[in-house]
PDB file of N, CA and C in Angstrom:
ATOM      1  N   UNK A   1       0.958  -1.180   0.028  1.00  0.00           N
ATOM      2  CA  UNK A   1      -0.104  -0.121  -0.081  1.00  0.00           C
ATOM      3  C   UNK A   1       0.626   1.143   0.497  1.00  0.00           C
ATOM      4  N   UNK A   2       2.348   1.448   0.447  1.00  0.00           N
ATOM      5  CA  UNK A   2       2.864   2.433   0.901  1.00  0.00           C
ATOM      6  C   UNK A   2       3.475   2.352  -0.486  1.00  0.00           C
ATOM      7  N   UNK A   3       3.779   1.457  -1.029  1.00  0.00           N
ATOM      8  CA  UNK A   3       4.805   1.522  -2.487  1.00  0.00           C
ATOM      9  C   UNK A   3       3.632   2.360  -3.755  1.00  0.00           C
ATOM     10  N   UNK A   4       2.282   2.143  -3.606  1.00  0.00           N
ATOM     11  CA  UNK A   4       1.168   2.506  -4.336  1.00  0.00           C
ATOM     12  C   UNK A   4       1.139   3.986  -4.322  1.00  0.00           C
ATOM     13  N   UNK A   5       1.046   4.285  -2.992  1.00  0.00           N
ATOM     14  CA  UNK A   5       0.755   5.893  -2.783  1.00  0.00           C
ATOM     15  C   UNK A   5       2.114   6.630  -3.016  1.00  0.00           C
ATOM     16  N   UNK A   6       3.475   6.083  -3.310  1.00  0.00           N
ATOM     17  CA  UNK A   6       4.586   6.807  -3.306  1.00  0.00           C
ATOM     18  C   UNK A   6       4.274   6.347  -5.050  1.00  0.00           C
ATOM     19  N   UNK A   7       4.135   5.861  -5.304  1.00  0.00           N
ATOM     20  CA  UNK A   7       3.899   5.680  -6.880  1.00  0.00           C
ATOM     21  C   UNK A   7       3.256   6.557  -7.424  1.00  0.00           C
ATOM     22  N   UNK A   8       1.952   7.037  -6.997  1.00  0.00           N
ATOM     23  CA  UNK A   8       0.561   8.041  -7.023  1.00  0.00           C
ATOM     24  C   UNK A   8       1.060   9.267  -7.521  1.00  0.00           C
ATOM     25  N   UNK A   9       1.854   9.434  -6.015  1.00  0.00           N
ATOM     26  CA  UNK A   9       2.492  10.882  -5.363  1.00  0.00           C
ATOM     27  C   UNK A   9       3.636  11.091  -6.841  1.00  0.00           C
ATOM     28  N   UNK A  10       4.277  10.273  -6.820  1.00  0.00           N
ATOM     29  CA  UNK A  10       5.122  10.393  -7.947  1.00  0.00           C
ATOM     30  C   UNK A  10       4.669  11.015  -9.144  1.00  0.00           C
ATOM     31  N   UNK A  11       3.577   9.949  -9.301  1.00  0.00           N
ATOM     32  CA  UNK A  11       2.912   9.961 -11.218  1.00  0.00           C
ATOM     33  C   UNK A  11       2.080  11.629 -10.960  1.00  0.00           C
ATOM     34  N   UNK A  12       2.010  12.332  -9.834  1.00  0.00           N
ATOM     35  CA  UNK A  12       1.124  13.202  -9.945  1.00  0.00           C
ATOM     36  C   UNK A  12       2.349  14.624  -9.865  1.00  0.00           C
ATOM     37  N   UNK A  13       3.474  14.645  -9.072  1.00  0.00           N
ATOM     38  CA  UNK A  13       4.843  15.163  -9.156  1.00  0.00           C
ATOM     39  C   UNK A  13       4.644  15.526 -10.709  1.00  0.00           C
ATOM     40  N   UNK A  14       5.206  14.285 -11.435  1.00  0.00           N
ATOM     41  CA  UNK A  14       5.844  14.252 -13.014  1.00  0.00           C
ATOM     42  C   UNK A  14       4.298  14.820 -13.735  1.00  0.00           C
ATOM     43  N   UNK A  15       3.121  15.082 -13.567  1.00  0.00           N
ATOM     44  CA  UNK A  15       2.129  15.383 -14.382  1.00  0.00           C
ATOM     45  C   UNK A  15       2.219  16.675 -14.009  1.00  0.00           C
ATOM     46  N   UNK A  16       2.592  17.380 -12.852  1.00  0.00           N
ATOM     47  CA  UNK A  16       2.299  18.644 -12.333  1.00  0.00           C
ATOM     48  C   UNK A  16       3.699  19.448 -13.427  1.00  0.00           C
ATOM     49  N   UNK A  17       4.795  18.648 -13.234  1.00  0.00           N
ATOM     50  CA  UNK A  17       5.987  19.310 -13.462  1.00  0.00           C
ATOM     51  C   UNK A  17       5.891  19.122 -15.189  1.00  0.00           C
ATOM     52  N   UNK A  18       5.192  17.947 -16.042  1.00  0.00           N
ATOM     53  CA  UNK A  18       5.269  18.196 -17.250  1.00  0.00           C
ATOM     54  C   UNK A  18       4.285  19.577 -17.958  1.00  0.00           C
ATOM     55  N   UNK A  19       3.034  19.788 -17.020  1.00  0.00           N
ATOM     56  CA  UNK A  19       2.022  20.770 -17.032  1.00  0.00           C
ATOM     57  C   UNK A  19       2.873  22.203 -17.134  1.00  0.00           C
ATOM     58  N   UNK A  20       3.343  22.337 -16.391  1.00  0.00           N
ATOM     59  CA  UNK A  20       4.595  23.513 -16.060  1.00  0.00           C
ATOM     60  C   UNK A  20       5.247  23.541 -16.748  1.00  0.00           C
ATOM     61  N   UNK A  21       5.982  22.799 -17.739  1.00  0.00           N
ATOM     62  CA  UNK A  21       7.097  23.161 -18.583  1.00  0.00           C
ATOM     63  C   UNK A  21       6.139  23.458 -19.800  1.00  0.00           C
ATOM     64  N   UNK A  22       5.011  22.755 -20.219  1.00  0.00           N
ATOM     65  CA  UNK A  22       4.292  23.297 -21.092  1.00  0.00           C
ATOM     66  C   UNK A  22       4.096  24.215 -20.823  1.00  0.00           C
ATOM     67  N   UNK A  23       3.380  24.869 -20.279  1.00  0.00           N
ATOM     68  CA  UNK A  23       2.808  26.002 -19.742  1.00  0.00           C
ATOM     69  C   UNK A  23       4.353  27.362 -20.252  1.00  0.00           C
ATOM     70  N   UNK A  24       4.996  27.167 -19.537  1.00  0.00           N
ATOM     71  CA  UNK A  24       6.497  27.734 -19.923  1.00  0.00           C
ATOM     72  C   UNK A  24       6.878  27.699 -21.501  1.00  0.00           C
ATOM     73  N   UNK A  25       6.594  26.940 -21.757  1.00  0.00           N
ATOM     74  CA  UNK A  25       7.273  26.476 -23.862  1.00  0.00           C
ATOM     75  C   UNK A  25       5.675  27.792 -24.141  1.00  0.00           C
ATOM     76  N   UNK A  26       4.720  27.348 -23.863  1.00  0.00           N
ATOM     77  CA  UNK A  26       3.969  28.729 -24.417  1.00  0.00           C
ATOM     78  C   UNK A  26       4.119  29.673 -23.838  1.00  0.00           C
ATOM     79  N   UNK A  27       4.582  30.300 -23.155  1.00  0.00           N
ATOM     80  CA  UNK A  27       4.973  31.497 -22.892  1.00  0.00           C
ATOM     81  C   UNK A  27       6.066  31.726 -23.345  1.00  0.00           C
ATOM     82  N   UNK A  28       7.128  31.457 -23.306  1.00  0.00           N
ATOM     83  CA  UNK A  28       8.549  31.536 -24.715  1.00  0.00           C
ATOM     84  C   UNK A  28       8.108  31.413 -26.213  1.00  0.00           C
ATOM     85  N   UNK A  29       7.182  30.276 -26.328  1.00  0.00           N
ATOM     86  CA  UNK A  29       6.820  30.353 -27.942  1.00  0.00           C
ATOM     87  C   UNK A  29       6.288  31.821 -28.248  1.00  0.00           C
ATOM     88  N   UNK A  30       5.331  32.031 -27.604  1.00  0.00           N
ATOM     89  CA  UNK A  30       4.492  33.577 -27.638  1.00  0.00           C
ATOM     90  C   UNK A  30       5.174  34.374 -27.746  1.00  0.00           C
ATOM     91  N   UNK A  31       6.459  34.541 -26.888  1.00  0.00           N
ATOM     92  CA  UNK A  31       7.504  36.275 -26.320  1.00  0.00           C
ATOM     93  C   UNK A  31       7.982  35.928 -27.666  1.00  0.00           C
ATOM     94  N   UNK A  32       8.894  35.114 -28.186  1.00  0.00           N
ATOM     95  CA  UNK A  32       9.406  34.661 -29.497  1.00  0.00           C
ATOM     96  C   UNK A  32       8.713  35.443 -30.433  1.00  0.00           C
ATOM     97  N   UNK A  33       7.471  34.820 -30.373  1.00  0.00           N
ATOM     98  CA  UNK A  33       6.478  35.194 -31.993  1.00  0.00           C
ATOM     99  C   UNK A  33       6.299  36.925 -31.774  1.00  0.00           C
ATOM    100  N   UNK A  34       6.253  37.389 -30.790  1.00  0.00           N
ATOM    101  CA  UNK A  34       6.034  38.899 -30.458  1.00  0.00           C
ATOM    102  C   UNK A  34       7.014  39.540 -30.937  1.00  0.00           C
ATOM    103  N   UNK A  35       8.298  39.145 -30.174  1.00  0.00           N
ATOM    104  CA  UNK A  35       9.109  40.133 -30.797  1.00  0.00           C
ATOM    105  C   UNK A  35      10.110  39.789 -31.984  1.00  0.00           C
ATOM    106  N   UNK A  36       9.636  38.622 -32.505  1.00  0.00           N
ATOM    107  CA  UNK A  36      10.255  38.781 -34.581  1.00  0.00           C
ATOM    108  C   UNK A  36       8.875  39.429 -34.808  1.00  0.00           C
ATOM    109  N   UNK A  37       7.973  39.806 -34.536  1.00  0.00           N
ATOM    110  CA  UNK A  37       7.095  40.633 -34.934  1.00  0.00           C
ATOM    111  C   UNK A  37       7.396  42.312 -34.855  1.00  0.00           C
ATOM    112  N   UNK A  38       7.734  41.974 -34.036  1.00  0.00           N
ATOM    113  CA  UNK A  38       8.190  43.648 -33.315  1.00  0.00           C
ATOM    114  C   UNK A  38       9.606  43.659 -35.004  1.00  0.00           C
ATOM    115  N   UNK A  39      10.520  42.534 -34.467  1.00  0.00           N
ATOM    116  CA  UNK A  39      11.623  43.022 -35.215  1.00  0.00           C
ATOM    117  C   UNK A  39      11.213  43.023 -36.871  1.00  0.00           C
ATOM    118  N   UNK A  40      10.252  42.090 -37.161  1.00  0.00           N
ATOM    119  CA  UNK A  40       9.803  42.630 -38.482  1.00  0.00           C
ATOM    120  C   UNK A  40       9.040  44.047 -39.126  1.00  0.00           C
ATOM    121  N   UNK A  41       8.668  44.431 -37.830  1.00  0.00           N
ATOM    122  CA  UNK A  41       7.699  46.125 -38.304  1.00  0.00           C
ATOM    123  C   UNK A  41       9.205  46.799 -38.448  1.00  0.00           C
ATOM    124  N   UNK A  42      10.077  46.473 -37.621  1.00  0.00           N
ATOM    125  CA  UNK A  42      11.276  47.643 -37.482  1.00  0.00           C
ATOM    126  C   UNK A  42      12.098  47.552 -39.059  1.00  0.00           C
ATOM    127  N   UNK A  43      12.053  46.298 -39.726  1.00  0.00           N
ATOM    128  CA  UNK A  43      12.568  46.074 -40.576  1.00  0.00           C
ATOM    129  C   UNK A  43      11.886  46.606 -42.006  1.00  0.00           C
ATOM    130  N   UNK A  44      10.544  46.376 -41.696  1.00  0.00           N
ATOM    131  CA  UNK A  44       9.527  47.261 -42.508  1.00  0.00           C
ATOM    132  C   UNK A  44       9.847  48.411 -42.412  1.00  0.00           C
ATOM    133  N   UNK A  45       9.592  49.151 -41.858  1.00  0.00           N
ATOM    134  CA  UNK A  45      10.131  50.649 -41.671  1.00  0.00           C
ATOM    135  C   UNK A  45      11.002  51.199 -41.993  1.00  0.00           C
ATOM    136  N   UNK A  46      12.243  50.367 -41.990  1.00  0.00           N
ATOM    137  CA  UNK A  46      13.657  51.179 -42.428  1.00  0.00           C
ATOM    138  C   UNK A  46      13.375  50.968 -43.818  1.00  0.00           C
ATOM    139  N   UNK A  47      12.949  49.587 -44.208  1.00  0.00           N
ATOM    140  CA  UNK A  47      12.497  49.561 -46.059  1.00  0.00           C
ATOM    141  C   UNK A  47      11.789  50.372 -46.761  1.00  0.00           C
ATOM    142  N   UNK A  48      10.846  50.649 -46.015  1.00  0.00           N
ATOM    143  CA  UNK A  48       9.718  51.931 -46.419  1.00  0.00           C
ATOM    144  C   UNK A  48      10.559  53.204 -46.229  1.00  0.00           C
ATOM    145  N   UNK A  49      11.562  53.376 -45.463  1.00  0.00           N
ATOM    146  CA  UNK A  49      11.895  54.998 -45.497  1.00  0.00           C
ATOM    147  C   UNK A  49      13.072  54.774 -46.686  1.00  0.00           C
ATOM    148  N   UNK A  50      13.787  53.653 -46.411  1.00  0.00           N
ATOM    149  CA  UNK A  50      14.802  53.603 -47.958  1.00  0.00           C
ATOM    150  C   UNK A  50      14.165  54.047 -49.343  1.00  0.00           C
ATOM    151  N   UNK A  51      12.554  53.226 -49.263  1.00  0.00           N
ATOM    152  CA  UNK A  51      12.122  53.737 -50.660  1.00  0.00           C
ATOM    153  C   UNK A  51      11.813  54.743 -50.643  1.00  0.00           C
ATOM    154  N   UNK A  52      11.275  55.343 -49.893  1.00  0.00           N
ATOM    155  CA  UNK A  52      10.480  56.716 -50.235  1.00  0.00           C
ATOM    156  C   UNK A  52      11.682  57.837 -49.984  1.00  0.00           C
ATOM    157  N   UNK A  53      12.720  57.155 -49.509  1.00  0.00           N
ATOM    158  CA  UNK A  53      14.071  58.268 -49.830  1.00  0.00           C
ATOM    159  C   UNK A  53      14.789  58.103 -51.524  1.00  0.00           C
ATOM    160  N   UNK A  54      14.667  57.109 -51.769  1.00  0.00           N
ATOM    161  CA  UNK A  54      14.785  56.887 -53.264  1.00  0.00           C
ATOM    162  C   UNK A  54      14.077  57.650 -54.306  1.00  0.00           C
ATOM    163  N   UNK A  55      12.669  57.169 -53.869  1.00  0.00           N
ATOM    164  CA  UNK A  55      11.597  58.061 -55.004  1.00  0.00           C
ATOM    165  C   UNK A  55      11.683  59.736 -55.078  1.00  0.00           C
ATOM    166  N   UNK A  56      11.864  60.083 -53.084  1.00  0.00           N
ATOM    167  CA  UNK A  56      12.348  61.429 -53.134  1.00  0.00           C
ATOM    168  C   UNK A  56      13.488  62.010 -53.984  1.00  0.00           C
ATOM    169  N   UNK A  57      14.746  61.228 -53.750  1.00  0.00           N
ATOM    170  CA  UNK A  57      15.726  61.920 -54.330  1.00  0.00           C
ATOM    171  C   UNK A  57      15.192  62.238 -55.737  1.00  0.00           C
ATOM    172  N   UNK A  58      14.755  61.416 -56.495  1.00  0.00           N
ATOM    173  CA  UNK A  58      14.257  61.311 -57.991  1.00  0.00           C
ATOM    174  C   UNK A  58      13.215  62.226 -58.233  1.00  0.00           C
ATOM    175  N   UNK A  59      12.461  63.007 -57.355  1.00  0.00           N
ATOM    176  CA  UNK A  59      11.594  64.208 -57.281  1.00  0.00           C
ATOM    177  C   UNK A  59      12.180  65.470 -56.905  1.00  0.00           C
ATOM    178  N   UNK A  60      13.312  65.129 -56.025  1.00  0.00           N
ATOM    179  CA  UNK A  60      13.851  66.454 -55.748  1.00  0.00           C
ATOM    180  C   UNK A  60      14.574  67.537 -56.751  1.00  0.00           C
ATOM    181  N   UNK A  61      14.314  68.654 -56.730  1.00  0.00           N
ATOM    182  CA  UNK A  61      14.410  70.010 -57.490  1.00  0.00           C
ATOM    183  C   UNK A  61      15.825  70.506 -57.133  1.00  0.00           C
ATOM    184  N   UNK A  62      16.071  70.567 -55.901  1.00  0.00           N
ATOM    185  CA  UNK A  62      16.806  71.470 -55.171  1.00  0.00           C
ATOM    186  C   UNK A  62      17.563  70.656 -53.742  1.00  0.00           C
ATOM    187  N   UNK A  63      18.266  71.225 -53.365  1.00  0.00           N
ATOM    188  CA  UNK A  63      18.782  70.899 -52.210  1.00  0.00           C
ATOM    189  C   UNK A  63      18.038  71.197 -51.030  1.00  0.00           C
ATOM    190  N   UNK A  64      17.242  72.465 -50.969  1.00  0.00           N
ATOM    191  CA  UNK A  64      16.116  72.387 -50.071  1.00  0.00           C
ATOM    192  C   UNK A  64      15.300  71.343 -49.666  1.00  0.00           C
ATOM    193  N   UNK A  65      15.168  70.968 -51.032  1.00  0.00           N
ATOM    194  CA  UNK A  65      13.677  70.089 -51.517  1.00  0.00           C
ATOM    195  C   UNK A  65      14.556  68.677 -50.672  1.00  0.00           C
ATOM    196  N   UNK A  66      15.671  68.736 -51.243  1.00  0.00           N
ATOM    197  CA  UNK A  66      16.271  67.402 -50.269  1.00  0.00           C
ATOM    198  C   UNK A  66      16.369  67.225 -48.902  1.00  0.00           C
ATOM    199  N   UNK A  67      16.651  68.255 -48.599  1.00  0.00           N
ATOM    200  CA  UNK A  67      16.700  68.667 -47.150  1.00  0.00           C
ATOM    201  C   UNK A  67      14.996  68.591 -46.328  1.00  0.00           C
ATOM    202  N   UNK A  68      14.309  69.246 -46.872  1.00  0.00           N
ATOM    203  CA  UNK A  68      13.363  68.699 -46.320  1.00  0.00           C
ATOM    204  C   UNK A  68      12.672  67.555 -46.389  1.00  0.00           C
ATOM    205  N   UNK A  69      12.915  66.683 -47.513  1.00  0.00           N
ATOM    206  CA  UNK A  69      12.510  65.362 -47.369  1.00  0.00           C
ATOM    207  C   UNK A  69      13.355  64.602 -46.675  1.00  0.00           C
ATOM    208  N   UNK A  70      14.208  64.819 -46.179  1.00  0.00           N
ATOM    209  CA  UNK A  70      15.410  63.946 -45.508  1.00  0.00           C
ATOM    210  C   UNK A  70      14.882  64.239 -43.908  1.00  0.00           C
ATOM    211  N   UNK A  71      14.588  65.338 -43.932  1.00  0.00           N
ATOM    212  CA  UNK A  71      14.182  65.714 -42.539  1.00  0.00           C
ATOM    213  C   UNK A  71      12.759  65.033 -42.022  1.00  0.00           C
ATOM    214  N   UNK A  72      11.793  64.941 -43.254  1.00  0.00           N
ATOM    215  CA  UNK A  72      10.607  64.568 -42.804  1.00  0.00           C
ATOM    216  C   UNK A  72      10.751  63.247 -42.591  1.00  0.00           C
ATOM    217  N   UNK A  73      11.671  62.451 -43.856  1.00  0.00           N
ATOM    218  CA  UNK A  73      11.790  60.904 -43.844  1.00  0.00           C
ATOM    219  C   UNK A  73      12.312  60.903 -42.286  1.00  0.00           C
ATOM    220  N   UNK A  74      13.305  61.282 -41.601  1.00  0.00           N
ATOM    221  CA  UNK A  74      13.817  61.338 -40.489  1.00  0.00           C
ATOM    222  C   UNK A  74      12.803  60.982 -39.480  1.00  0.00           C
ATOM    223  N   UNK A  75      12.560  61.913 -39.167  1.00  0.00           N
ATOM    224  CA  UNK A  75      10.945  62.261 -38.390  1.00  0.00           C
ATOM    225  C   UNK A  75       9.864  60.955 -38.464  1.00  0.00           C
ATOM    226  N   UNK A  76       8.991  60.959 -39.435  1.00  0.00           N
ATOM    227  CA  UNK A  76       8.506  59.887 -39.637  1.00  0.00           C
ATOM    228  C   UNK A  76       9.419  58.410 -39.338  1.00  0.00           C
ATOM    229  N   UNK A  77      10.693  58.151 -39.863  1.00  0.00           N
ATOM    230  CA  UNK A  77      11.256  56.839 -39.239  1.00  0.00           C
ATOM    231  C   UNK A  77      11.449  56.629 -37.915  1.00  0.00           C
ATOM    232  N   UNK A  78      11.714  57.737 -37.432  1.00  0.00           N
ATOM    233  CA  UNK A  78      11.942  57.969 -35.521  1.00  0.00           C
ATOM    234  C   UNK A  78      11.194  57.531 -35.008  1.00  0.00           C
ATOM    235  N   UNK A  79       9.723  58.199 -35.490  1.00  0.00           N
ATOM    236  CA  UNK A  79       8.009  58.186 -34.991  1.00  0.00           C
ATOM    237  C   UNK A  79       7.843  56.238 -34.947  1.00  0.00           C
ATOM    238  N   UNK A  80       8.258  56.048 -35.923  1.00  0.00           N
ATOM    239  CA  UNK A  80       7.939  54.486 -36.204  1.00  0.00           C
ATOM    240  C   UNK A  80       8.638  53.598 -35.531  1.00  0.00           C
ATOM    241  N   UNK A  81      10.169  53.791 -35.120  1.00  0.00           N
ATOM    242  CA  UNK A  81      10.737  53.087 -34.399  1.00  0.00           C
ATOM    243  C   UNK A  81      10.559  53.327 -32.682  1.00  0.00           C
ATOM    244  N   UNK A  82      10.114  54.775 -32.733  1.00  0.00           N
ATOM    245  CA  UNK A  82      10.165  54.772 -30.838  1.00  0.00           C
ATOM    246  C   UNK A  82       8.275  53.985 -30.210  1.00  0.00           C
ATOM    247  N   UNK A  83       7.602  54.239 -31.576  1.00  0.00           N
ATOM    248  CA  UNK A  83       6.753  53.150 -31.415  1.00  0.00           C
ATOM    249  C   UNK A  83       6.650  51.493 -31.330  1.00  0.00           C
ATOM    250  N   UNK A  84       7.377  51.335 -31.965  1.00  0.00           N
ATOM    251  CA  UNK A  84       7.901  50.117 -32.449  1.00  0.00           C
ATOM    252  C   UNK A  84       8.621  49.567 -30.747  1.00  0.00           C
ATOM    253  N   UNK A  85       9.057  50.437 -30.280  1.00  0.00           N
ATOM    254  CA  UNK A  85      10.176  50.060 -29.233  1.00  0.00           C
ATOM    255  C   UNK A  85       9.428  50.197 -27.640  1.00  0.00           C
ATOM    256  N   UNK A  86       8.204  50.976 -27.775  1.00  0.00           N
ATOM    257  CA  UNK A  86       6.898  50.972 -27.194  1.00  0.00           C
ATOM    258  C   UNK A  86       6.122  49.813 -27.213  1.00  0.00           C
ATOM    259  N   UNK A  87       5.901  49.176 -28.120  1.00  0.00           N
ATOM    260  CA  UNK A  87       5.157  48.323 -28.222  1.00  0.00           C
ATOM    261  C   UNK A  87       6.041  46.406 -27.938  1.00  0.00           C
ATOM    262  N   UNK A  88       7.494  46.988 -28.254  1.00  0.00           N
ATOM    263  CA  UNK A  88       8.319  45.819 -27.898  1.00  0.00           C
ATOM    264  C   UNK A  88       8.102  45.447 -26.141  1.00  0.00           C
ATOM    265  N   UNK A  89       8.321  47.250 -25.241  1.00  0.00           N
ATOM    266  CA  UNK A  89       8.528  46.972 -24.041  1.00  0.00           C
ATOM    267  C   UNK A  89       7.267  46.772 -23.572  1.00  0.00           C
ATOM    268  N   UNK A  90       5.870  46.576 -24.244  1.00  0.00           N
ATOM    269  CA  UNK A  90       4.803  46.525 -23.674  1.00  0.00           C
ATOM    270  C   UNK A  90       4.630  44.399 -23.877  1.00  0.00           C
ATOM    271  N   UNK A  91       5.471  44.085 -24.937  1.00  0.00           N
ATOM    272  CA  UNK A  91       5.672  42.458 -24.844  1.00  0.00           C
ATOM    273  C   UNK A  91       6.549  41.978 -24.138  1.00  0.00           C
ATOM    274  N   UNK A  92       7.086  42.755 -23.632  1.00  0.00           N
ATOM    275  CA  UNK A  92       8.027  42.661 -22.524  1.00  0.00           C
ATOM    276  C   UNK A  92       7.717  42.130 -21.407  1.00  0.00           C
ATOM    277  N   UNK A  93       7.058  43.495 -20.752  1.00  0.00           N
ATOM    278  CA  UNK A  93       6.258  43.484 -19.715  1.00  0.00           C
ATOM    279  C   UNK A  93       5.246  42.574 -19.533  1.00  0.00           C
ATOM    280  N   UNK A  94       4.509  42.160 -20.506  1.00  0.00           N
ATOM    281  CA  UNK A  94       3.411  40.938 -20.458  1.00  0.00           C
ATOM    282  C   UNK A  94       4.272  39.961 -20.360  1.00  0.00           C
ATOM    283  N   UNK A  95       5.760  39.553 -20.721  1.00  0.00           N
ATOM    284  CA  UNK A  95       6.024  38.685 -20.634  1.00  0.00           C
ATOM    285  C   UNK A  95       6.628  38.148 -19.116  1.00  0.00           C
ATOM    286  N   UNK A  96       7.129  39.266 -18.222  1.00  0.00           N
ATOM    287  CA  UNK A  96       7.269  39.308 -17.402  1.00  0.00           C
ATOM    288  C   UNK A  96       6.258  39.140 -16.152  1.00  0.00           C
ATOM    289  N   UNK A  97       4.976  39.516 -16.714  1.00  0.00           N
ATOM    290  CA  UNK A  97       4.001  39.615 -15.864  1.00  0.00           C
ATOM    291  C   UNK A  97       3.409  37.812 -16.010  1.00  0.00           C
ATOM    292  N   UNK A  98       3.277  37.208 -16.826  1.00  0.00           N
ATOM    293  CA  UNK A  98       3.276  35.684 -17.235  1.00  0.00           C
ATOM    294  C   UNK A  98       3.969  35.046 -16.719  1.00  0.00           C
ATOM    295  N   UNK A  99       5.256  35.177 -16.760  1.00  0.00           N
ATOM    296  CA  UNK A  99       6.515  34.342 -15.916  1.00  0.00           C
ATOM    297  C   UNK A  99       6.209  34.444 -14.361  1.00  0.00           C
ATOM    298  N   UNK A 100       6.014  35.554 -14.223  1.00  0.00           N
ATOM    299  CA  UNK A 100       5.648  35.820 -12.302  1.00  0.00           C
ATOM    300  C   UNK A 100       4.309  34.775 -11.661  1.00  0.00           C
ATOM    301  N   UNK A 101       3.207  35.034 -12.956  1.00  0.00           N
ATOM    302  CA  UNK A 101       2.286  34.170 -12.846  1.00  0.00           C
ATOM    303  C   UNK A 101       2.572  32.529 -12.806  1.00  0.00           C
ATOM    304  N   UNK A 102       3.555  32.266 -13.553  1.00  0.00           N
ATOM    305  CA  UNK A 102       3.808  31.089 -13.946  1.00  0.00           C
ATOM    306  C   UNK A 102       4.742  30.567 -12.802  1.00  0.00           C
ATOM    307  N   UNK A 103       5.472  31.212 -11.998  1.00  0.00           N
ATOM    308  CA  UNK A 103       6.233  30.844 -10.972  1.00  0.00           C
ATOM    309  C   UNK A 103       5.220  31.059  -9.798  1.00  0.00           C
ATOM    310  N   UNK A 104       4.199  31.850  -9.602  1.00  0.00           N
ATOM    311  CA  UNK A 104       3.584  31.685  -8.809  1.00  0.00           C
ATOM    312  C   UNK A 104       2.558  30.518  -8.462  1.00  0.00           C
ATOM    313  N   UNK A 105       2.212  30.361  -9.494  1.00  0.00           N
ATOM    314  CA  UNK A 105       1.604  28.562  -9.576  1.00  0.00           C
ATOM    315  C   UNK A 105       2.268  27.729  -9.082  1.00  0.00           C
ATOM    316  N   UNK A 106       3.812  27.340  -9.477  1.00  0.00           N
ATOM    317  CA  UNK A 106       4.582  26.511  -9.360  1.00  0.00           C
ATOM    318  C   UNK A 106       4.830  26.521  -7.685  1.00  0.00           C
ATOM    319  N   UNK A 107       4.783  28.020  -7.032  1.00  0.00           N
ATOM    320  CA  UNK A 107       5.032  28.006  -5.482  1.00  0.00           C
ATOM    321  C   UNK A 107       3.717  27.078  -5.031  1.00  0.00           C
ATOM    322  N   UNK A 108       2.459  27.571  -5.276  1.00  0.00           N
ATOM    323  CA  UNK A 108       1.411  27.245  -4.836  1.00  0.00           C
ATOM    324  C   UNK A 108       1.674  25.574  -4.924  1.00  0.00           C
ATOM    325  N   UNK A 109       1.684  24.776  -6.467  1.00  0.00           N
ATOM    326  CA  UNK A 109       1.848  23.529  -6.057  1.00  0.00           C
ATOM    327  C   UNK A 109       2.377  22.973  -5.234  1.00  0.00           C
ATOM    328  N   UNK A 110       3.802  23.372  -5.216  1.00  0.00           N
ATOM    329  CA  UNK A 110       4.864  23.075  -4.314  1.00  0.00           C
ATOM    330  C   UNK A 110       4.160  23.078  -2.981  1.00  0.00           C
ATOM    331  N   UNK A 111       3.805  23.838  -2.292  1.00  0.00           N
ATOM    332  CA  UNK A 111       3.372  24.562  -1.199  1.00  0.00           C
ATOM    333  C   UNK A 111       1.619  22.954  -0.595  1.00  0.00           C
ATOM    334  N   UNK A 112       1.270  22.945  -1.766  1.00  0.00           N
ATOM    335  CA  UNK A 112       0.278  22.160  -1.372  1.00  0.00           C
ATOM    336  C   UNK A 112       0.862  20.589  -1.465  1.00  0.00           C
ATOM    337  N   UNK A 113       1.888  20.627  -2.162  1.00  0.00           N
ATOM    338  CA  UNK A 113       2.374  19.447  -2.129  1.00  0.00           C
ATOM    339  C   UNK A 113       3.386  18.616  -0.912  1.00  0.00           C
ATOM    340  N   UNK A 114       4.015  19.916  -0.421  1.00  0.00           N
ATOM    341  CA  UNK A 114       4.560  19.873   0.919  1.00  0.00           C
ATOM    342  C   UNK A 114       3.504  19.537   2.290  1.00  0.00           C
ATOM    343  N   UNK A 115       2.276  20.260   2.236  1.00  0.00           N
ATOM    344  CA  UNK A 115       1.413  19.985   3.067  1.00  0.00           C
ATOM    345  C   UNK A 115       0.331  19.178   3.015  1.00  0.00           C
ATOM    346  N   UNK A 116       0.509  18.205   1.852  1.00  0.00           N
ATOM    347  CA  UNK A 116      -0.195  17.283   1.894  1.00  0.00           C
ATOM    348  C   UNK A 116       0.565  16.059   2.214  1.00  0.00           C
ATOM    349  N   UNK A 117       1.990  15.976   2.612  1.00  0.00           N
ATOM    350  CA  UNK A 117       2.723  15.386   3.159  1.00  0.00           C
ATOM    351  C   UNK A 117       3.015  15.276   4.978  1.00  0.00           C
TER     352      UNK A 117
END
């Protein structure tokens, strides 16, 4: 009987650990997907800026036109990068919250297991 209880407890612990690892994997997968999206947004903003810059150079009639267009493009690009950085921080803060919740659940499960014995 004692050995059966031990095996049952061991199976419960393994099940709990596997579920916990699955949740951690989901958190990691989610954050990597979101960070990749942010990286692609930054690359797209850069490529768009280069494209607009090349287009504007062909349309510029004098140095003042070039400077005006360059200033606007730089402003637009920096605004896009700043927004992307803000969104990246949001992703990281959400990840921090998710990981804290994951740790808390693990601690609660560990406390319950200790109190059971």
